[in-house]
Every structure is written in structure tokens, then in C-alpha cells.
Amino acid sequence: MAKRGRPRKLIAREPNGRAQRPSLAQIKEAERKQRLAETAVVMAQPHRAWARDPGDPRLASALGRLVIRHRLRSELFDAGSEWTGIYRRWRAASSIPDPLHSQSLGGGLGPSERLVASWWADIVRVENALRQYGQGAYLGVRHVLLDDADLPDEAIADAIVGLRVVAVEMGRLPKGAHPFVDNRIAA
């Protein structure tokens, strides 16, 4: 029975007075509407409004937004993502907390010491190469990849140089490759 002052809910009832259960089709339709509502919220986020394809999953990260906004080669995104993954796995294996990502407790033994050492060697190799191109490239790349933060306009050129260095060191680009997409090929 409805309380005083509240509108009565219109619920379909069976002949014995019990509320009817929704059909499988009604449940699936409700789930579809909920997914569409979540998608609409995601698409309305300001960092997606300027993009040609607001549904592009790369827009979820600062690296992806940088690559899309400045029409950089996809190899730069791939190399940056790979290096970020190596760095995060090394941090987790070394029990160094990551301020951006919550740590989950695993039930296994974890990676071998040899694998962790190879991750550290990759990190050192890339960071040494970045330092050769100046502090702007080094800090820009770390800011975009490890802090997942967008850069101010004046730091973007250095970060693009740094991303090219990461792509070369990770084996995604040859030494003399240009970081931008050739418009004749991309169209």
C-alpha cells in the first residue's frame, strides 16, 4: 500500500496479486538502455569533443590524445604504451606504489628476477636515450606516459621528440623515422 502523499507505482500484477516478473526481452532492453546511457556519458566528456571519432579508445589516455591531436604515427602510441606497461610492471614487481593505479594483490609468485631485471634494463636504456635529447624530452615523455597528464602547448614539441626516441628504442621505428604521419598515406 502506498504511503500518504506518494504517488502509487503502476506495477503489472498477476491475477493472484503478485508483481509480474519482467520477461527476458524486457531485461535485455533495460540492459541495452543502460549501456547506451553510459556510452552517452563517455562521449560527452570534454576531452573527446574535439576528436574526429569521439569513440576512439586512445582518447582515454594523455598519450592517445597527444597522438590523435597532432596526427602522430601509430607506432609512437604503441611504443609509449609498451614502455608504460613495462615501467608499471617493474614498479609492481619491485613493490613501488603507483600513485595513479591501485595495486591489486596477486596470488602467484610474480615474475622471475631475470624478467624484472630485463624490464629495468629496458627502462634504463630508454631513459638514457631520452636524456641525450634534453630535459624537455625526458620530462615531457615521463609526464605523458607515467603521469597520464596532458602537456601545456610549449612542452609538446619536446614530448613528440621524446616519443620518437621511445619508439626507436623500443624497436617500433627505425633511427631516421619522422614522428608525423605522411598525409598522403593516412588519407
N, C-alpha and C. Protein backbone atom coordinates (compact mmCIF):
# COMPACT_ATOMS: atom_id res chain seq x y z
N MET A 1 0.84 -1.17 0.00
CA MET A 1 0.00 0.00 0.00
C MET A 1 0.90 1.24 0.00
N ALA A 2 0.52 2.22 -0.83
CA ALA A 2 1.32 3.44 -0.94
C ALA A 2 1.13 4.30 0.30
N LYS A 3 2.22 4.97 0.67
CA LYS A 3 2.15 5.87 1.82
C LYS A 3 1.45 7.15 1.41
N ARG A 4 0.91 7.85 2.38
CA ARG A 4 0.17 9.07 2.13
C ARG A 4 1.09 10.11 1.48
N GLY A 5 0.63 10.73 0.40
CA GLY A 5 1.37 11.77 -0.27
C GLY A 5 2.29 11.27 -1.37
N ARG A 6 2.48 9.98 -1.46
CA ARG A 6 3.34 9.44 -2.51
C ARG A 6 2.46 8.87 -3.62
N PRO A 7 2.92 9.08 -4.85
CA PRO A 7 2.13 8.51 -5.95
C PRO A 7 2.25 6.99 -5.96
N ARG A 8 1.21 6.38 -6.38
CA ARG A 8 1.19 4.93 -6.42
C ARG A 8 1.92 4.45 -7.66
N LYS A 9 2.78 3.44 -7.50
CA LYS A 9 3.51 2.87 -8.62
C LYS A 9 2.57 1.96 -9.40
N LEU A 10 2.65 2.11 -10.71
CA LEU A 10 1.84 1.25 -11.56
C LEU A 10 2.66 0.02 -11.92
N ILE A 11 2.35 -1.08 -11.28
CA ILE A 11 3.07 -2.32 -11.49
C ILE A 11 2.10 -3.35 -12.04
N ALA A 12 2.54 -4.01 -13.10
CA ALA A 12 1.70 -5.07 -13.64
C ALA A 12 1.64 -6.21 -12.63
N ARG A 13 0.45 -6.71 -12.41
CA ARG A 13 0.26 -7.75 -11.41
C ARG A 13 -0.38 -8.98 -12.02
N GLU A 14 -0.05 -10.11 -11.43
CA GLU A 14 -0.67 -11.37 -11.84
C GLU A 14 -2.05 -11.45 -11.20
N PRO A 15 -2.87 -12.38 -11.63
CA PRO A 15 -4.22 -12.49 -11.06
C PRO A 15 -4.23 -12.74 -9.55
N ASN A 16 -3.16 -13.36 -9.01
CA ASN A 16 -3.14 -13.62 -7.57
C ASN A 16 -2.62 -12.41 -6.78
N GLY A 17 -2.25 -11.30 -7.45
CA GLY A 17 -1.83 -10.08 -6.76
C GLY A 17 -0.32 -9.86 -6.71
N ARG A 18 0.45 -10.87 -7.05
CA ARG A 18 1.90 -10.70 -7.05
C ARG A 18 2.34 -9.85 -8.24
N ALA A 19 3.45 -9.16 -8.05
CA ALA A 19 4.00 -8.35 -9.14
C ALA A 19 4.55 -9.28 -10.22
N GLN A 20 4.33 -8.92 -11.46
CA GLN A 20 4.83 -9.73 -12.57
C GLN A 20 6.33 -9.54 -12.71
N ARG A 21 6.99 -10.61 -13.04
CA ARG A 21 8.43 -10.53 -13.30
C ARG A 21 8.63 -10.09 -14.75
N PRO A 22 9.68 -9.30 -14.98
CA PRO A 22 9.91 -8.87 -16.36
C PRO A 22 10.38 -10.04 -17.22
N SER A 23 10.05 -9.96 -18.50
CA SER A 23 10.46 -11.02 -19.42
C SER A 23 11.94 -10.85 -19.74
N LEU A 24 12.51 -11.86 -20.36
CA LEU A 24 13.92 -11.80 -20.74
C LEU A 24 14.15 -10.67 -21.74
N ALA A 25 13.22 -10.46 -22.64
CA ALA A 25 13.34 -9.38 -23.62
C ALA A 25 13.33 -8.01 -22.91
N GLN A 26 12.50 -7.87 -21.90
CA GLN A 26 12.46 -6.60 -21.16
C GLN A 26 13.76 -6.37 -20.39
N ILE A 27 14.32 -7.42 -19.84
CA ILE A 27 15.58 -7.30 -19.11
C ILE A 27 16.69 -6.91 -20.07
N LYS A 28 16.77 -7.57 -21.24
CA LYS A 28 17.80 -7.24 -22.22
C LYS A 28 17.66 -5.81 -22.73
N GLU A 29 16.43 -5.36 -22.92
CA GLU A 29 16.21 -3.99 -23.38
C GLU A 29 16.64 -2.99 -22.31
N ALA A 30 16.38 -3.27 -21.05
CA ALA A 30 16.81 -2.39 -19.97
C ALA A 30 18.34 -2.33 -19.88
N GLU A 31 18.99 -3.47 -20.06
CA GLU A 31 20.46 -3.50 -20.05
C GLU A 31 21.03 -2.72 -21.23
N ARG A 32 20.40 -2.84 -22.40
CA ARG A 32 20.86 -2.10 -23.58
C ARG A 32 20.72 -0.60 -23.36
N LYS A 33 19.61 -0.18 -22.78
CA LYS A 33 19.41 1.25 -22.50
C LYS A 33 20.45 1.76 -21.50
N GLN A 34 20.79 0.94 -20.52
CA GLN A 34 21.79 1.35 -19.55
C GLN A 34 23.16 1.49 -20.20
N ARG A 35 23.54 0.55 -21.09
CA ARG A 35 24.81 0.65 -21.81
C ARG A 35 24.85 1.89 -22.68
N LEU A 36 23.74 2.19 -23.35
CA LEU A 36 23.69 3.39 -24.21
C LEU A 36 23.81 4.66 -23.38
N ALA A 37 23.21 4.66 -22.20
CA ALA A 37 23.33 5.83 -21.33
C ALA A 37 24.77 6.02 -20.87
N GLU A 38 25.46 4.93 -20.52
CA GLU A 38 26.86 5.02 -20.12
C GLU A 38 27.72 5.51 -21.28
N THR A 39 27.44 5.02 -22.49
CA THR A 39 28.18 5.45 -23.66
C THR A 39 27.97 6.93 -23.93
N ALA A 40 26.75 7.41 -23.74
CA ALA A 40 26.46 8.82 -23.95
C ALA A 40 27.24 9.69 -22.97
N VAL A 41 27.36 9.24 -21.74
CA VAL A 41 28.14 10.00 -20.75
C VAL A 41 29.61 10.04 -21.16
N VAL A 42 30.14 8.91 -21.61
CA VAL A 42 31.54 8.86 -22.04
C VAL A 42 31.77 9.78 -23.24
N MET A 43 30.88 9.73 -24.21
CA MET A 43 31.05 10.54 -25.42
C MET A 43 30.91 12.04 -25.14
N ALA A 44 30.24 12.42 -24.07
CA ALA A 44 30.05 13.83 -23.74
C ALA A 44 31.23 14.42 -22.98
N GLN A 45 32.24 13.62 -22.66
CA GLN A 45 33.38 14.15 -21.91
C GLN A 45 34.13 15.16 -22.76
N PRO A 46 34.62 16.25 -22.12
CA PRO A 46 35.23 17.33 -22.90
C PRO A 46 36.49 16.92 -23.67
N HIS A 47 37.24 15.95 -23.18
CA HIS A 47 38.46 15.57 -23.90
C HIS A 47 38.15 14.74 -25.14
N ARG A 48 36.89 14.44 -25.40
CA ARG A 48 36.52 13.70 -26.61
C ARG A 48 35.79 14.59 -27.63
N ALA A 49 35.38 15.78 -27.22
CA ALA A 49 34.54 16.61 -28.08
C ALA A 49 35.23 17.05 -29.36
N TRP A 50 36.51 17.29 -29.33
CA TRP A 50 37.24 17.80 -30.48
C TRP A 50 37.65 16.73 -31.48
N ALA A 51 37.60 15.48 -31.08
CA ALA A 51 38.13 14.40 -31.91
C ALA A 51 37.20 14.07 -33.07
N ARG A 52 37.79 13.61 -34.16
CA ARG A 52 37.02 13.20 -35.32
C ARG A 52 36.14 12.00 -34.96
N ASP A 53 36.69 11.07 -34.19
CA ASP A 53 35.95 9.89 -33.74
C ASP A 53 35.93 9.89 -32.21
N PRO A 54 34.88 10.44 -31.59
CA PRO A 54 34.86 10.51 -30.12
C PRO A 54 34.86 9.15 -29.43
N GLY A 55 34.61 8.09 -30.18
CA GLY A 55 34.61 6.76 -29.59
C GLY A 55 35.97 6.08 -29.61
N ASP A 56 36.98 6.75 -30.12
CA ASP A 56 38.32 6.17 -30.22
C ASP A 56 38.85 5.87 -28.81
N PRO A 57 39.21 4.63 -28.52
CA PRO A 57 39.67 4.29 -27.17
C PRO A 57 40.98 4.97 -26.77
N ARG A 58 41.76 5.44 -27.75
CA ARG A 58 43.01 6.11 -27.42
C ARG A 58 42.77 7.44 -26.71
N LEU A 59 41.59 8.00 -26.83
CA LEU A 59 41.28 9.28 -26.18
C LEU A 59 41.22 9.16 -24.66
N ALA A 60 41.22 7.96 -24.14
CA ALA A 60 41.16 7.76 -22.69
C ALA A 60 42.47 8.09 -22.00
N SER A 61 43.57 8.17 -22.75
CA SER A 61 44.86 8.46 -22.14
C SER A 61 45.46 9.73 -22.73
N ALA A 62 46.35 10.35 -21.96
CA ALA A 62 47.04 11.56 -22.43
C ALA A 62 47.88 11.24 -23.66
N LEU A 63 48.49 10.07 -23.69
CA LEU A 63 49.29 9.67 -24.85
C LEU A 63 48.42 9.58 -26.09
N GLY A 64 47.28 8.94 -25.98
CA GLY A 64 46.38 8.81 -27.12
C GLY A 64 45.88 10.16 -27.61
N ARG A 65 45.52 11.05 -26.69
CA ARG A 65 45.07 12.38 -27.10
C ARG A 65 46.19 13.14 -27.81
N LEU A 66 47.42 13.01 -27.34
CA LEU A 66 48.55 13.68 -27.98
C LEU A 66 48.77 13.13 -29.39
N VAL A 67 48.71 11.83 -29.53
CA VAL A 67 48.92 11.19 -30.83
C VAL A 67 47.82 11.59 -31.81
N ILE A 68 46.58 11.61 -31.36
CA ILE A 68 45.46 11.95 -32.25
C ILE A 68 45.48 13.44 -32.59
N ARG A 69 45.64 14.27 -31.59
CA ARG A 69 45.58 15.72 -31.82
C ARG A 69 46.66 16.19 -32.78
N HIS A 70 47.86 15.62 -32.69
CA HIS A 70 48.97 16.08 -33.51
C HIS A 70 49.27 15.15 -34.68
N ARG A 71 48.36 14.21 -34.92
CA ARG A 71 48.45 13.29 -36.06
C ARG A 71 49.81 12.60 -36.12
N LEU A 72 50.19 12.03 -35.00
CA LEU A 72 51.46 11.31 -34.91
C LEU A 72 51.28 9.88 -35.40
N ARG A 73 52.38 9.25 -35.69
CA ARG A 73 52.35 7.87 -36.16
C ARG A 73 51.82 6.95 -35.06
N SER A 74 51.14 5.91 -35.48
CA SER A 74 50.59 4.96 -34.52
C SER A 74 51.70 4.21 -33.79
N GLU A 75 52.88 4.12 -34.40
CA GLU A 75 54.00 3.44 -33.75
C GLU A 75 54.41 4.16 -32.47
N LEU A 76 54.24 5.48 -32.44
CA LEU A 76 54.58 6.23 -31.23
C LEU A 76 53.63 5.86 -30.09
N PHE A 77 52.35 5.71 -30.42
CA PHE A 77 51.38 5.30 -29.41
C PHE A 77 51.69 3.89 -28.91
N ASP A 78 51.98 2.99 -29.85
CA ASP A 78 52.28 1.60 -29.47
C ASP A 78 53.52 1.51 -28.59
N ALA A 79 54.58 2.23 -28.98
CA ALA A 79 55.83 2.19 -28.21
C ALA A 79 55.63 2.82 -26.83
N GLY A 80 54.91 3.93 -26.78
CA GLY A 80 54.65 4.58 -25.49
C GLY A 80 53.84 3.70 -24.56
N SER A 81 52.83 3.05 -25.12
CA SER A 81 52.01 2.13 -24.31
C SER A 81 52.84 0.95 -23.81
N GLU A 82 53.68 0.42 -24.69
CA GLU A 82 54.52 -0.72 -24.31
C GLU A 82 55.50 -0.32 -23.20
N TRP A 83 56.15 0.82 -23.35
CA TRP A 83 57.12 1.26 -22.35
C TRP A 83 56.43 1.57 -21.02
N THR A 84 55.24 2.17 -21.08
CA THR A 84 54.48 2.44 -19.86
C THR A 84 54.13 1.13 -19.16
N GLY A 85 53.73 0.13 -19.92
CA GLY A 85 53.41 -1.17 -19.33
C GLY A 85 54.62 -1.81 -18.67
N ILE A 86 55.76 -1.73 -19.32
CA ILE A 86 56.99 -2.28 -18.74
C ILE A 86 57.31 -1.56 -17.43
N TYR A 87 57.21 -0.24 -17.46
CA TYR A 87 57.53 0.55 -16.27
C TYR A 87 56.58 0.21 -15.12
N ARG A 88 55.30 0.09 -15.42
CA ARG A 88 54.32 -0.22 -14.37
C ARG A 88 54.52 -1.63 -13.83
N ARG A 89 54.81 -2.57 -14.70
CA ARG A 89 55.06 -3.94 -14.23
C ARG A 89 56.32 -3.99 -13.37
N TRP A 90 57.35 -3.25 -13.78
CA TRP A 90 58.58 -3.21 -12.98
C TRP A 90 58.29 -2.61 -11.61
N ARG A 91 57.51 -1.53 -11.57
CA ARG A 91 57.16 -0.91 -10.28
C ARG A 91 56.41 -1.90 -9.39
N ALA A 92 55.45 -2.59 -9.97
CA ALA A 92 54.66 -3.54 -9.18
C ALA A 92 55.53 -4.69 -8.68
N ALA A 93 56.42 -5.19 -9.54
CA ALA A 93 57.29 -6.30 -9.13
C ALA A 93 58.30 -5.84 -8.08
N SER A 94 58.67 -4.56 -8.10
CA SER A 94 59.63 -4.02 -7.14
C SER A 94 58.96 -3.47 -5.89
N SER A 95 57.65 -3.64 -5.79
CA SER A 95 56.85 -3.17 -4.65
C SER A 95 56.93 -1.66 -4.46
N ILE A 96 57.00 -0.94 -5.57
CA ILE A 96 56.98 0.52 -5.53
C ILE A 96 55.55 0.94 -5.84
N PRO A 97 54.89 1.64 -4.95
CA PRO A 97 53.49 2.00 -5.19
C PRO A 97 53.34 2.94 -6.39
N ASP A 98 52.28 2.75 -7.13
CA ASP A 98 51.96 3.60 -8.27
C ASP A 98 50.83 4.53 -7.84
N PRO A 99 51.08 5.83 -7.80
CA PRO A 99 50.04 6.74 -7.30
C PRO A 99 48.81 6.82 -8.19
N LEU A 100 48.92 6.48 -9.48
CA LEU A 100 47.79 6.59 -10.38
C LEU A 100 46.93 5.33 -10.44
N HIS A 101 47.52 4.19 -10.16
CA HIS A 101 46.80 2.93 -10.30
C HIS A 101 46.86 2.17 -8.99
N SER A 102 45.69 1.69 -8.56
CA SER A 102 45.67 0.93 -7.32
C SER A 102 46.33 -0.42 -7.55
N GLN A 103 47.01 -0.87 -6.55
CA GLN A 103 47.71 -2.14 -6.64
C GLN A 103 46.75 -3.25 -6.25
N SER A 104 46.75 -4.30 -7.03
CA SER A 104 45.95 -5.46 -6.65
C SER A 104 46.89 -6.53 -6.15
N LEU A 105 46.44 -7.27 -5.19
CA LEU A 105 47.27 -8.33 -4.63
C LEU A 105 47.12 -9.58 -5.46
N GLY A 106 48.22 -10.12 -5.90
CA GLY A 106 48.18 -11.34 -6.70
C GLY A 106 48.41 -12.56 -5.83
N GLY A 107 47.96 -13.68 -6.30
CA GLY A 107 48.12 -14.90 -5.53
C GLY A 107 49.32 -15.72 -5.97
N GLY A 108 49.98 -15.29 -7.04
CA GLY A 108 51.10 -16.05 -7.57
C GLY A 108 52.43 -15.59 -7.02
N LEU A 109 53.48 -16.18 -7.53
CA LEU A 109 54.82 -15.84 -7.10
C LEU A 109 55.34 -14.58 -7.75
N GLY A 110 54.73 -14.14 -8.83
CA GLY A 110 55.19 -12.96 -9.53
C GLY A 110 56.22 -13.30 -10.58
N PRO A 111 56.72 -12.27 -11.27
CA PRO A 111 57.69 -12.52 -12.34
C PRO A 111 59.04 -12.94 -11.78
N SER A 112 59.82 -13.58 -12.62
CA SER A 112 61.15 -14.02 -12.19
C SER A 112 62.07 -12.81 -12.06
N GLU A 113 63.15 -12.99 -11.32
CA GLU A 113 64.12 -11.91 -11.15
C GLU A 113 64.76 -11.54 -12.49
N ARG A 114 64.95 -12.52 -13.35
CA ARG A 114 65.54 -12.26 -14.66
C ARG A 114 64.62 -11.36 -15.49
N LEU A 115 63.31 -11.61 -15.44
CA LEU A 115 62.36 -10.79 -16.18
C LEU A 115 62.33 -9.37 -15.63
N VAL A 116 62.31 -9.23 -14.32
CA VAL A 116 62.32 -7.90 -13.70
C VAL A 116 63.61 -7.16 -14.07
N ALA A 117 64.72 -7.86 -14.10
CA ALA A 117 65.99 -7.24 -14.49
C ALA A 117 65.96 -6.79 -15.95
N SER A 118 65.30 -7.57 -16.81
CA SER A 118 65.21 -7.16 -18.23
C SER A 118 64.32 -5.93 -18.37
N TRP A 119 63.25 -5.86 -17.56
CA TRP A 119 62.41 -4.65 -17.57
C TRP A 119 63.24 -3.44 -17.16
N TRP A 120 64.04 -3.60 -16.11
CA TRP A 120 64.85 -2.49 -15.63
C TRP A 120 65.87 -2.07 -16.70
N ALA A 121 66.44 -3.04 -17.41
CA ALA A 121 67.40 -2.72 -18.47
C ALA A 121 66.71 -1.92 -19.59
N ASP A 122 65.48 -2.29 -19.95
CA ASP A 122 64.73 -1.54 -20.96
C ASP A 122 64.46 -0.11 -20.48
N ILE A 123 64.07 0.02 -19.22
CA ILE A 123 63.78 1.35 -18.66
C ILE A 123 65.02 2.23 -18.70
N VAL A 124 66.14 1.69 -18.27
CA VAL A 124 67.39 2.46 -18.24
C VAL A 124 67.82 2.84 -19.65
N ARG A 125 67.71 1.91 -20.60
CA ARG A 125 68.09 2.19 -21.99
C ARG A 125 67.26 3.33 -22.57
N VAL A 126 65.95 3.30 -22.36
CA VAL A 126 65.08 4.35 -22.90
C VAL A 126 65.34 5.67 -22.20
N GLU A 127 65.48 5.65 -20.87
CA GLU A 127 65.70 6.91 -20.16
C GLU A 127 67.05 7.53 -20.51
N ASN A 128 68.08 6.74 -20.71
CA ASN A 128 69.38 7.28 -21.13
C ASN A 128 69.28 7.92 -22.52
N ALA A 129 68.56 7.28 -23.41
CA ALA A 129 68.38 7.86 -24.75
C ALA A 129 67.58 9.16 -24.67
N LEU A 130 66.57 9.20 -23.80
CA LEU A 130 65.78 10.42 -23.65
C LEU A 130 66.62 11.57 -23.10
N ARG A 131 67.47 11.27 -22.15
CA ARG A 131 68.31 12.32 -21.55
C ARG A 131 69.26 12.94 -22.58
N GLN A 132 69.64 12.19 -23.60
CA GLN A 132 70.51 12.73 -24.64
C GLN A 132 69.81 13.82 -25.44
N TYR A 133 68.49 13.79 -25.48
CA TYR A 133 67.73 14.79 -26.24
C TYR A 133 67.27 15.95 -25.36
N GLY A 134 67.72 16.01 -24.14
CA GLY A 134 67.43 17.15 -23.29
C GLY A 134 66.37 16.85 -22.24
N GLN A 135 66.33 17.74 -21.28
CA GLN A 135 65.41 17.56 -20.17
C GLN A 135 63.95 17.70 -20.60
N GLY A 136 63.69 18.53 -21.62
CA GLY A 136 62.31 18.71 -22.09
C GLY A 136 61.73 17.42 -22.63
N ALA A 137 62.51 16.69 -23.43
CA ALA A 137 62.04 15.42 -23.98
C ALA A 137 61.85 14.40 -22.87
N TYR A 138 62.80 14.34 -21.95
CA TYR A 138 62.74 13.38 -20.84
C TYR A 138 61.51 13.64 -19.96
N LEU A 139 61.35 14.89 -19.53
CA LEU A 139 60.23 15.21 -18.64
C LEU A 139 58.89 15.15 -19.36
N GLY A 140 58.86 15.57 -20.63
CA GLY A 140 57.61 15.51 -21.38
C GLY A 140 57.09 14.10 -21.53
N VAL A 141 58.00 13.19 -21.88
CA VAL A 141 57.60 11.79 -22.04
C VAL A 141 57.15 11.20 -20.72
N ARG A 142 57.89 11.44 -19.67
CA ARG A 142 57.50 10.90 -18.37
C ARG A 142 56.16 11.48 -17.91
N HIS A 143 55.93 12.74 -18.20
CA HIS A 143 54.68 13.38 -17.80
C HIS A 143 53.49 12.76 -18.55
N VAL A 144 53.66 12.55 -19.84
CA VAL A 144 52.56 11.99 -20.64
C VAL A 144 52.37 10.51 -20.34
N LEU A 145 53.47 9.75 -20.32
CA LEU A 145 53.34 8.30 -20.20
C LEU A 145 53.11 7.82 -18.77
N LEU A 146 53.86 8.35 -17.83
CA LEU A 146 53.78 7.81 -16.47
C LEU A 146 52.78 8.56 -15.59
N ASP A 147 52.62 9.88 -15.82
CA ASP A 147 51.65 10.65 -15.04
C ASP A 147 50.29 10.69 -15.71
N ASP A 148 50.22 10.29 -16.98
CA ASP A 148 48.99 10.31 -17.78
C ASP A 148 48.32 11.69 -17.71
N ALA A 149 49.12 12.72 -17.95
CA ALA A 149 48.62 14.09 -17.89
C ALA A 149 48.90 14.80 -19.21
N ASP A 150 47.97 15.65 -19.60
CA ASP A 150 48.16 16.44 -20.81
C ASP A 150 49.22 17.51 -20.59
N LEU A 151 49.92 17.84 -21.65
CA LEU A 151 51.02 18.80 -21.57
C LEU A 151 50.57 20.19 -21.98
N PRO A 152 51.24 21.22 -21.45
CA PRO A 152 50.99 22.57 -21.97
C PRO A 152 51.54 22.68 -23.39
N ASP A 153 51.05 23.62 -24.17
CA ASP A 153 51.43 23.75 -25.57
C ASP A 153 52.93 23.90 -25.78
N GLU A 154 53.60 24.61 -24.87
CA GLU A 154 55.02 24.85 -25.05
C GLU A 154 55.88 23.60 -24.83
N ALA A 155 55.34 22.56 -24.26
CA ALA A 155 56.11 21.34 -23.99
C ALA A 155 55.85 20.23 -25.01
N ILE A 156 54.93 20.45 -25.92
CA ILE A 156 54.52 19.38 -26.83
C ILE A 156 55.62 18.99 -27.81
N ALA A 157 56.34 19.96 -28.36
CA ALA A 157 57.38 19.64 -29.34
C ALA A 157 58.46 18.74 -28.73
N ASP A 158 58.87 19.06 -27.50
CA ASP A 158 59.86 18.21 -26.83
C ASP A 158 59.31 16.82 -26.56
N ALA A 159 58.05 16.74 -26.17
CA ALA A 159 57.44 15.44 -25.89
C ALA A 159 57.34 14.59 -27.16
N ILE A 160 57.06 15.21 -28.30
CA ILE A 160 57.00 14.46 -29.56
C ILE A 160 58.38 13.90 -29.92
N VAL A 161 59.41 14.71 -29.71
CA VAL A 161 60.78 14.22 -29.93
C VAL A 161 61.05 13.04 -28.99
N GLY A 162 60.64 13.18 -27.74
CA GLY A 162 60.84 12.11 -26.77
C GLY A 162 60.09 10.85 -27.13
N LEU A 163 58.87 10.99 -27.64
CA LEU A 163 58.10 9.81 -28.05
C LEU A 163 58.78 9.10 -29.23
N ARG A 164 59.35 9.88 -30.14
CA ARG A 164 60.07 9.27 -31.25
C ARG A 164 61.27 8.48 -30.74
N VAL A 165 61.96 9.04 -29.73
CA VAL A 165 63.11 8.34 -29.14
C VAL A 165 62.64 7.03 -28.50
N VAL A 166 61.53 7.07 -27.78
CA VAL A 166 60.99 5.85 -27.15
C VAL A 166 60.66 4.82 -28.23
N ALA A 167 60.03 5.27 -29.32
CA ALA A 167 59.65 4.34 -30.40
C ALA A 167 60.88 3.72 -31.04
N VAL A 168 61.94 4.50 -31.22
CA VAL A 168 63.16 3.95 -31.79
C VAL A 168 63.79 2.95 -30.83
N GLU A 169 63.88 3.31 -29.56
CA GLU A 169 64.50 2.43 -28.57
C GLU A 169 63.70 1.15 -28.34
N MET A 170 62.39 1.22 -28.50
CA MET A 170 61.55 0.03 -28.31
C MET A 170 61.46 -0.80 -29.59
N GLY A 171 62.13 -0.34 -30.65
CA GLY A 171 62.16 -1.10 -31.90
C GLY A 171 60.94 -0.92 -32.76
N ARG A 172 60.15 0.11 -32.52
CA ARG A 172 58.94 0.33 -33.31
C ARG A 172 59.20 1.20 -34.54
N LEU A 173 60.26 2.01 -34.51
CA LEU A 173 60.62 2.87 -35.64
C LEU A 173 62.11 2.74 -35.93
N PRO A 174 62.52 2.90 -37.20
CA PRO A 174 63.96 2.95 -37.49
C PRO A 174 64.54 4.28 -37.02
N LYS A 175 65.84 4.35 -36.92
CA LYS A 175 66.52 5.53 -36.35
C LYS A 175 66.12 6.85 -37.02
N GLY A 176 66.02 6.91 -38.33
CA GLY A 176 65.76 8.17 -39.01
C GLY A 176 64.29 8.48 -39.25
N ALA A 177 63.39 7.74 -38.66
CA ALA A 177 61.96 7.91 -38.94
C ALA A 177 61.43 9.24 -38.39
N HIS A 178 60.52 9.84 -39.14
CA HIS A 178 59.89 11.09 -38.72
C HIS A 178 58.67 10.75 -37.87
N PRO A 179 58.39 11.53 -36.81
CA PRO A 179 57.29 11.17 -35.92
C PRO A 179 55.90 11.42 -36.48
N PHE A 180 55.78 12.26 -37.53
CA PHE A 180 54.45 12.60 -38.02
C PHE A 180 54.01 11.67 -39.13
N VAL A 181 52.70 11.57 -39.31
CA VAL A 181 52.13 10.72 -40.33
C VAL A 181 52.25 11.44 -41.67
N ASP A 182 52.63 10.71 -42.71
CA ASP A 182 52.63 11.26 -44.05
C ASP A 182 51.17 11.37 -44.50
N ASN A 183 50.72 12.58 -44.79
CA ASN A 183 49.30 12.81 -45.12
C ASN A 183 48.85 12.04 -46.35
N ARG A 184 49.75 11.78 -47.29
CA ARG A 184 49.37 11.03 -48.49
C ARG A 184 49.03 9.59 -48.14
N ILE A 185 49.72 9.05 -47.13
CA ILE A 185 49.48 7.66 -46.73
C ILE A 185 48.26 7.55 -45.84
N ALA A 186 48.07 8.53 -44.92
CA ALA A 186 46.98 8.46 -43.95
C ALA A 186 45.62 8.68 -44.56
N ALA A 187 45.53 9.41 -45.66
CA ALA A 187 44.22 9.73 -46.24
C ALA A 187 43.59 8.57 -46.95
